[in-house]
C-alpha atoms as a PDB file:
ATOM      1  CA  MET A   1     -54.436  91.011  39.955  1.00  0.00           C
ATOM      2  CA  THR A   2     -53.432  88.604  37.081  1.00  0.00           C
ATOM      3  CA  MET A   3     -50.203  89.666  34.555  1.00  0.00           C
ATOM      4  CA  THR A   4     -50.180  89.336  30.863  1.00  0.00           C
ATOM      5  CA  ALA A   5     -48.237  91.009  28.794  1.00  0.00           C
ATOM      6  CA  PRO A   6     -47.469  90.569  25.017  1.00  0.00           C
ATOM      7  CA  ASP A   7     -44.166  88.545  24.142  1.00  0.00           C
ATOM      8  CA  PRO A   8     -41.932  89.740  21.176  1.00  0.00           C
ATOM      9  CA  THR A   9     -40.724  86.602  21.573  1.00  0.00           C
ATOM     10  CA  GLY A  10     -43.830  84.358  20.795  1.00  0.00           C
ATOM     11  CA  ILE A  11     -43.650  82.647  24.059  1.00  0.00           C
ATOM     12  CA  THR A  12     -46.986  82.316  25.749  1.00  0.00           C
ATOM     13  CA  ARG A  13     -46.481  83.219  29.110  1.00  0.00           C
ATOM     14  CA  PRO A  14     -48.088  81.317  31.932  1.00  0.00           C
ATOM     15  CA  PRO A  15     -50.888  83.050  34.195  1.00  0.00           C
ATOM     16  CA  SER A  16     -49.011  85.277  37.093  1.00  0.00           C
ATOM     17  CA  TRP A  17     -50.545  87.202  39.739  1.00  0.00           C
ATOM     18  CA  ARG A  18     -48.963  89.851  42.065  1.00  0.00           C
ATOM     19  CA  LEU A  19     -49.286  90.033  45.924  1.00  0.00           C
ATOM     20  CA  LYS A  20     -48.294  92.683  47.789  1.00  0.00           C
ATOM     21  CA  LEU A  21     -48.339  92.823  51.291  1.00  0.00           C
ATOM     22  CA  PRO A  22     -49.233  96.319  53.147  1.00  0.00           C
ATOM     23  CA  ALA A  23     -45.999  98.871  53.405  1.00  0.00           C
ATOM     24  CA  GLY A  24     -45.038  98.834  56.791  1.00  0.00           C
ATOM     25  CA  THR A  25     -45.875  95.585  57.659  1.00  0.00           C
ATOM     26  CA  LEU A  26     -43.310  93.704  60.055  1.00  0.00           C
ATOM     27  CA  LEU A  27     -40.883  91.552  58.338  1.00  0.00           C
ATOM     28  CA  ILE A  28     -38.387  89.098  59.602  1.00  0.00           C
ATOM     29  CA  ASN A  29     -34.904  89.285  58.615  1.00  0.00           C
ATOM     30  CA  ALA A  30     -32.531  86.160  59.133  1.00  0.00           C
ATOM     31  CA  ASN A  31     -30.022  88.487  60.526  1.00  0.00           C
ATOM     32  CA  GLN A  32     -32.823  89.072  63.594  1.00  0.00           C
ATOM     33  CA  THR A  33     -32.264  87.804  66.813  1.00  0.00           C
ATOM     34  CA  LEU A  34     -35.812  87.392  67.836  1.00  0.00           C
ATOM     35  CA  HIS A  35     -37.288  85.437  70.903  1.00  0.00           C
ATOM     36  CA  TYR A  36     -39.147  82.631  69.758  1.00  0.00           C
ATOM     37  CA  ARG A  37     -42.693  83.961  70.983  1.00  0.00           C
ATOM     38  CA  LYS A  38     -42.217  87.170  69.050  1.00  0.00           C
ATOM     39  CA  LYS A  39     -40.712  85.529  66.110  1.00  0.00           C
ATOM     40  CA  ALA A  40     -43.904  83.234  66.066  1.00  0.00           C
ATOM     41  CA  ASP A  41     -46.205  86.500  66.438  1.00  0.00           C
ATOM     42  CA  LEU A  42     -44.683  87.995  63.272  1.00  0.00           C
ATOM     43  CA  VAL A  43     -44.652  84.761  61.157  1.00  0.00           C
ATOM     44  CA  LYS A  44     -48.557  84.480  62.471  1.00  0.00           C
ATOM     45  CA  ALA A  45     -49.135  88.058  61.241  1.00  0.00           C
ATOM     46  CA  LEU A  46     -47.575  87.350  57.591  1.00  0.00           C
ATOM     47  CA  ARG A  47     -49.085  84.302  57.207  1.00  0.00           C
ATOM     48  CA  ASN A  48     -52.429  85.516  57.803  1.00  0.00           C
ATOM     49  CA  THR A  49     -52.077  88.615  56.107  1.00  0.00           C
ATOM     50  CA  ALA A  50     -50.913  86.435  52.624  1.00  0.00           C
ATOM     51  CA  TRP A  51     -54.156  84.523  53.543  1.00  0.00           C
ATOM     52  CA  ALA A  52     -56.363  87.391  53.452  1.00  0.00           C
ATOM     53  CA  LEU A  53     -54.696  89.165  50.543  1.00  0.00           C
ATOM     54  CA  ALA A  54     -54.912  85.564  48.482  1.00  0.00           C
ATOM     55  CA  ARG A  55     -58.589  85.145  49.430  1.00  0.00           C
ATOM     56  CA  GLN A  56     -59.490  88.846  48.383  1.00  0.00           C
ATOM     57  CA  ALA A  57     -57.331  88.466  45.367  1.00  0.00           C
ATOM     58  CA  LYS A  58     -59.557  85.503  44.217  1.00  0.00           C
ATOM     59  CA  LEU A  59     -56.207  83.745  43.523  1.00  0.00           C
ATOM     60  CA  PRO A  60     -57.177  80.291  41.965  1.00  0.00           C
ATOM     61  CA  ALA A  61     -55.785  76.786  43.370  1.00  0.00           C
ATOM     62  CA  LEU A  62     -52.740  75.873  41.704  1.00  0.00           C
ATOM     63  CA  GLN A  63     -50.960  72.644  41.241  1.00  0.00           C
ATOM     64  CA  ARG A  64     -47.590  74.167  41.107  1.00  0.00           C
ATOM     65  CA  ALA A  65     -45.974  77.250  40.941  1.00  0.00           C
ATOM     66  CA  HIS A  66     -42.823  79.729  41.062  1.00  0.00           C
ATOM     67  CA  ILE A  67     -43.088  82.553  43.441  1.00  0.00           C
ATOM     68  CA  PHE A  68     -40.391  84.716  43.662  1.00  0.00           C
ATOM     69  CA  TYR A  69     -40.585  87.744  46.097  1.00  0.00           C
ATOM     70  CA  VAL A  70     -39.324  91.377  45.894  1.00  0.00           C
ATOM     71  CA  ILE A  71     -38.218  93.183  49.097  1.00  0.00           C
ATOM     72  CA  HIS A  72     -38.391  96.734  49.141  1.00  0.00           C
ATOM     73  CA  PRO A  73     -36.320  97.678  51.978  1.00  0.00           C
ATOM     74  CA  ASP A  74     -36.831 100.726  54.003  1.00  0.00           C
ATOM     75  CA  THR A  75     -35.659 104.214  52.852  1.00  0.00           C
ATOM     76  CA  LYS A  76     -32.540 104.745  55.242  1.00  0.00           C
ATOM     77  CA  GLY A  77     -29.768 104.069  52.361  1.00  0.00           C
ATOM     78  CA  ARG A  78     -27.361 101.155  53.117  1.00  0.00           C
ATOM     79  CA  ARG A  79     -26.828  97.484  51.297  1.00  0.00           C
ATOM     80  CA  ARG A  80     -28.861  94.796  51.532  1.00  0.00           C
ATOM     81  CA  ASP A  81     -29.039  91.064  50.631  1.00  0.00           C
ATOM     82  CA  PRO A  82     -32.524  90.252  49.431  1.00  0.00           C
ATOM     83  CA  GLY A  83     -31.941  86.508  51.071  1.00  0.00           C
ATOM     84  CA  ASN A  84     -32.203  87.468  54.332  1.00  0.00           C
ATOM     85  CA  TRP A  85     -35.716  88.142  54.510  1.00  0.00           C
ATOM     86  CA  SER A  86     -36.321  84.548  53.507  1.00  0.00           C
ATOM     87  CA  PRO A  87     -38.266  84.053  56.592  1.00  0.00           C
ATOM     88  CA  SER A  88     -40.698  86.768  56.146  1.00  0.00           C
ATOM     89  CA  ALA A  89     -41.266  85.244  52.262  1.00  0.00           C
ATOM     90  CA  LYS A  90     -41.542  81.904  53.953  1.00  0.00           C
ATOM     91  CA  ALA A  91     -44.504  82.973  56.391  1.00  0.00           C
ATOM     92  CA  ALA A  92     -46.067  84.636  53.486  1.00  0.00           C
ATOM     93  CA  VAL A  93     -45.894  81.349  50.997  1.00  0.00           C
ATOM     94  CA  ASP A  94     -47.253  79.115  53.981  1.00  0.00           C
ATOM     95  CA  GLY A  95     -50.494  81.710  54.246  1.00  0.00           C
ATOM     96  CA  LEU A  96     -50.943  80.724  50.212  1.00  0.00           C
ATOM     97  CA  VAL A  97     -51.017  77.295  51.423  1.00  0.00           C
ATOM     98  CA  ASP A  98     -53.303  77.884  53.870  1.00  0.00           C
ATOM     99  CA  ALA A  99     -55.621  79.778  51.699  1.00  0.00           C
ATOM    100  CA  GLY A 100     -55.586  76.598  49.182  1.00  0.00           C
ATOM    101  CA  ILE A 101     -53.802  78.347  46.446  1.00  0.00           C
ATOM    102  CA  LEU A 102     -50.905  75.627  46.773  1.00  0.00           C
ATOM    103  CA  PRO A 103     -51.693  72.147  48.101  1.00  0.00           C
ATOM    104  CA  ASP A 104     -47.960  72.385  49.756  1.00  0.00           C
ATOM    105  CA  ASP A 105     -45.037  74.306  49.557  1.00  0.00           C
ATOM    106  CA  ASN A 106     -42.412  71.241  49.277  1.00  0.00           C
ATOM    107  CA  SER A 107     -40.417  70.806  46.058  1.00  0.00           C
ATOM    108  CA  THR A 108     -42.687  69.006  43.802  1.00  0.00           C
ATOM    109  CA  ARG A 109     -45.024  72.014  44.223  1.00  0.00           C
ATOM    110  CA  LEU A 110     -43.004  75.103  44.153  1.00  0.00           C
ATOM    111  CA  ILE A 111     -39.890  76.214  42.669  1.00  0.00           C
ATOM    112  CA  GLY A 112     -38.783  79.132  44.866  1.00  0.00           C
ATOM    113  CA  PRO A 113     -39.548  81.620  47.109  1.00  0.00           C
ATOM    114  CA  ASP A 114     -36.609  83.284  44.987  1.00  0.00           C
ATOM    115  CA  PRO A 115     -35.455  86.454  46.276  1.00  0.00           C
ATOM    116  CA  ARG A 116     -34.916  89.957  44.462  1.00  0.00           C
ATOM    117  CA  ILE A 117     -34.385  93.730  45.871  1.00  0.00           C
ATOM    118  CA  GLY A 118     -36.747  96.279  44.551  1.00  0.00           C
ATOM    119  CA  SER A 119     -36.394  99.770  45.290  1.00  0.00           C
ATOM    120  CA  PRO A 120     -36.684 101.649  48.632  1.00  0.00           C
ATOM    121  CA  ILE A 121     -40.096 102.442  50.236  1.00  0.00           C
ATOM    122  CA  LYS A 122     -40.940 104.048  53.423  1.00  0.00           C
ATOM    123  CA  GLY A 123     -41.774 101.286  55.796  1.00  0.00           C
ATOM    124  CA  SER A 124     -40.535  98.375  53.315  1.00  0.00           C
ATOM    125  CA  GLN A 125     -42.960  96.238  51.561  1.00  0.00           C
ATOM    126  CA  LEU A 126     -42.970  92.510  50.343  1.00  0.00           C
ATOM    127  CA  VAL A 127     -44.404  91.884  47.388  1.00  0.00           C
ATOM    128  CA  LEU A 128     -44.927  87.727  45.936  1.00  0.00           C
ATOM    129  CA  TYR A 129     -45.167  87.157  42.300  1.00  0.00           C
ATOM    130  CA  ILE A 130     -46.975  83.601  41.716  1.00  0.00           C
ATOM    131  CA  THR A 131     -46.731  81.812  38.261  1.00  0.00           C
ATOM    132  CA  ASP A 132     -48.686  78.665  37.327  1.00  0.00           C
ATOM    133  CA  LEU A 133     -46.277  76.260  36.252  1.00  0.00           C
ATOM    134  CA  ASP A 134     -49.023  73.895  35.018  1.00  0.00           C
ATOM    135  CA  GLN A 135     -49.578  76.698  32.052  1.00  0.00           C
ATOM    136  CA  MET A 136     -45.999  76.679  31.478  1.00  0.00           C
ATOM    137  CA  HIS A 137     -44.626  74.263  28.210  1.00  0.00           C
ATOM    138  CA  PRO A 138     -42.061  72.022  29.410  1.00  0.00           C
ATOM    139  CA  ASP A 139     -39.364  73.337  27.376  1.00  0.00           C
ATOM    140  CA  HIS A 140     -39.669  76.588  29.200  1.00  0.00           C
ATOM    141  CA  LEU A 141     -39.566  75.555  32.818  1.00  0.00           C
ATOM    142  CA  ALA A 142     -36.107  74.100  32.589  1.00  0.00           C
ATOM    143  CA  LEU A 143     -35.238  78.033  32.336  1.00  0.00           C
ATOM    144  CA  LEU A 144     -36.255  78.311  35.607  1.00  0.00           C
ATOM    145  CA  ASN A 145     -33.537  76.636  37.225  1.00  0.00           C
ATOM    146  CA  PRO A 146     -30.108  77.063  36.826  1.00  0.00           C
ATOM    147  CA  PRO A 147     -27.934  75.171  34.721  1.00  0.00           C
ATOM    148  CA  GLY A 148     -27.137  71.611  36.152  1.00  0.00           C
ATOM    149  CA  ALA A 149     -29.796  71.485  38.497  1.00  0.00           C
ATOM    150  CA  PRO A 150     -32.217  68.360  39.013  1.00  0.00           C
ATOM    151  CA  GLU A 151     -35.319  68.673  36.747  1.00  0.00           C
END
């Protein structure tokens, strides 16, 4: 799904897409201790799910992108660290590479995936937000990096 919204600042925003993995998809948390085979199965499932969703959504091939992910944790109330789901986001991004959306997920092609926390939903959910960096004005690209980061 392409997201566009008028911006009162006059900045032309580049095209972006939201890719929602199904609620209840089993996710990998960095704090989990998993047998390597179980983890490999989860990575494969996440990768294949992202691949299928990207193909179904007809996402265009991009040369460079910024991706952030929103983790909607399960409704069991407790504090959460969204960065702990980075293994799930990495697997999903690898699925985008498999689908031909990005040529690679190295630092020359991708900024992110950056974590965010969303509102809890039953079963939890991972949502990727993908922005085409080739359509972003070079002056605005620096806003994606923290001050002092290499450009």
